Amino acid sequence: LNLDLKSKRPKKGDKQANPSQTYVETLLRIYNQFSTVVQKAFGSDPAFVAALDKACRKVINENPLNSDAVKSPELLAKYCDNLLKKSNKHMDESQLDEKLGQIILIFKFIDDK
């Protein structure tokens, strides 16, 4: 998980890269990928679901990519703020609801709410 996040880190001078968007969307993609594996391979066995949740909680809260100045809750808040600002221009209500529903997946793993 951490290796995948490192590969998605924006490069210096990359003006198109939004760190909060990159971080949150990468977390969502990784969570969805492993959640699908747990569903298909293990039939959503509660022990495997709990193990996935525990791993996600650890990655989100103890991620070495997060410096002391920028933590997962802050990146999530910035992403939500940007999403809500853009929603009037680029998304309809159903797309916004879907994105916010996905964000709740990450929010449930954050310890420092």
Protein backbone atom coordinates (compact mmCIF):
# COMPACT_ATOMS: atom_id res chain seq x y z
CA LEU A 1 0.00 0.00 0.00
CA ASN A 2 2.71 2.48 0.94
CA LEU A 3 4.66 1.73 -2.22
CA ASP A 4 1.64 2.56 -4.35
CA LEU A 5 1.14 5.88 -2.55
CA LYS A 6 4.80 6.78 -3.06
CA SER A 7 4.49 6.20 -6.80
CA LYS A 8 1.54 8.62 -6.92
CA ARG A 9 3.33 11.43 -5.08
CA PRO A 10 3.29 14.57 -7.22
CA LYS A 11 6.63 15.72 -8.56
CA LYS A 12 8.02 19.14 -7.69
CA GLY A 13 7.03 21.72 -10.23
CA ASP A 14 3.98 19.74 -11.36
CA LYS A 15 1.33 22.45 -11.35
CA GLN A 16 -1.49 20.09 -12.33
CA ALA A 17 -1.00 17.84 -9.32
CA ASN A 18 -3.30 18.45 -6.39
CA PRO A 19 -1.77 16.58 -3.45
CA SER A 20 -5.05 16.12 -1.59
CA GLN A 21 -6.83 14.81 -4.69
CA THR A 22 -3.97 12.47 -5.58
CA TYR A 23 -3.76 11.16 -2.01
CA VAL A 24 -7.50 10.61 -1.46
CA GLU A 25 -8.18 9.11 -4.88
CA THR A 26 -5.21 6.76 -4.52
CA LEU A 27 -6.45 5.63 -1.10
CA LEU A 28 -9.91 5.02 -2.53
CA ARG A 29 -8.55 3.07 -5.49
CA ILE A 30 -6.38 0.90 -3.24
CA TYR A 31 -9.20 0.29 -0.77
CA ASN A 32 -11.60 -0.66 -3.57
CA GLN A 33 -9.01 -2.96 -5.13
CA PHE A 34 -8.38 -4.88 -1.90
CA SER A 35 -12.04 -4.84 -0.92
CA THR A 36 -12.85 -6.56 -4.21
CA VAL A 37 -10.20 -9.21 -3.48
CA VAL A 38 -11.70 -9.82 -0.03
CA GLN A 39 -15.18 -10.10 -1.53
CA LYS A 40 -14.30 -12.38 -4.43
CA ALA A 41 -11.57 -14.54 -2.95
CA PHE A 42 -12.80 -14.80 0.64
CA GLY A 43 -16.54 -14.26 0.31
CA SER A 44 -16.38 -11.15 2.53
CA ASP A 45 -15.36 -13.31 5.50
CA PRO A 46 -15.57 -11.07 8.61
CA ALA A 47 -12.00 -11.91 9.63
CA PHE A 48 -10.63 -10.74 6.27
CA VAL A 49 -12.84 -7.64 6.26
CA ALA A 50 -11.54 -6.79 9.75
CA ALA A 51 -7.94 -7.36 8.61
CA LEU A 52 -8.46 -5.04 5.62
CA ASP A 53 -9.99 -2.38 7.87
CA LYS A 54 -7.10 -2.66 10.32
CA ALA A 55 -4.54 -2.36 7.51
CA CYS A 56 -6.31 0.67 6.04
CA ARG A 57 -6.49 2.35 9.44
CA LYS A 58 -2.75 1.83 9.93
CA VAL A 59 -1.82 3.12 6.46
CA ILE A 60 -4.04 6.20 6.74
CA ASN A 61 -2.98 7.14 10.28
CA GLU A 62 0.67 6.10 10.28
CA ASN A 63 1.61 6.82 6.70
CA PRO A 64 5.26 7.88 6.34
CA LEU A 65 4.26 10.10 3.42
CA ASN A 66 2.42 12.37 5.81
CA SER A 67 4.74 14.91 7.35
CA ASP A 68 4.11 16.54 10.70
CA ALA A 69 2.63 19.52 8.88
CA VAL A 70 0.24 17.61 6.60
CA LYS A 71 -1.78 14.67 7.88
CA SER A 72 -4.50 12.52 6.35
CA PRO A 73 -7.39 14.44 8.01
CA GLU A 74 -6.10 17.70 6.56
CA LEU A 75 -5.71 16.22 3.08
CA LEU A 76 -9.19 14.73 3.30
CA ALA A 77 -10.65 18.09 4.38
CA LYS A 78 -8.89 19.89 1.52
CA TYR A 79 -10.14 17.29 -0.95
CA CYS A 80 -13.73 17.67 0.31
CA ASP A 81 -13.47 21.46 0.15
CA ASN A 82 -12.18 21.35 -3.44
CA LEU A 83 -14.82 18.80 -4.38
CA LEU A 84 -17.66 20.90 -2.98
CA LYS A 85 -16.33 24.05 -4.65
CA LYS A 86 -16.05 22.28 -8.02
CA SER A 87 -19.40 20.51 -7.70
CA ASN A 88 -21.33 23.58 -8.83
CA LYS A 89 -19.33 23.73 -12.05
CA HIS A 90 -18.38 20.19 -13.10
CA MET A 91 -20.62 17.62 -11.41
CA ASP A 92 -24.26 16.84 -11.07
CA GLU A 93 -25.78 15.96 -7.71
CA SER A 94 -25.58 12.18 -8.15
CA GLN A 95 -21.86 12.33 -9.00
CA LEU A 96 -21.23 14.50 -5.95
CA ASP A 97 -23.18 12.11 -3.70
CA GLU A 98 -21.16 9.17 -5.04
CA LYS A 99 -17.84 10.94 -4.38
CA LEU A 100 -18.90 11.99 -0.87
CA GLY A 101 -20.02 8.44 -0.15
CA GLN A 102 -16.57 7.20 -1.13
CA ILE A 103 -14.91 9.79 1.08
CA ILE A 104 -16.82 8.44 4.07
CA LEU A 105 -14.96 5.16 3.52
CA ILE A 106 -11.69 6.93 4.28
CA PHE A 107 -13.12 9.08 7.06
CA LYS A 108 -14.14 6.01 9.07
CA PHE A 109 -10.47 4.95 9.29
CA ILE A 110 -9.11 8.26 10.59
CA ASP A 111 -8.29 8.23 14.29
CA ASP A 112 -7.75 11.97 14.73
CA LYS A 113 -11.16 13.31 13.71
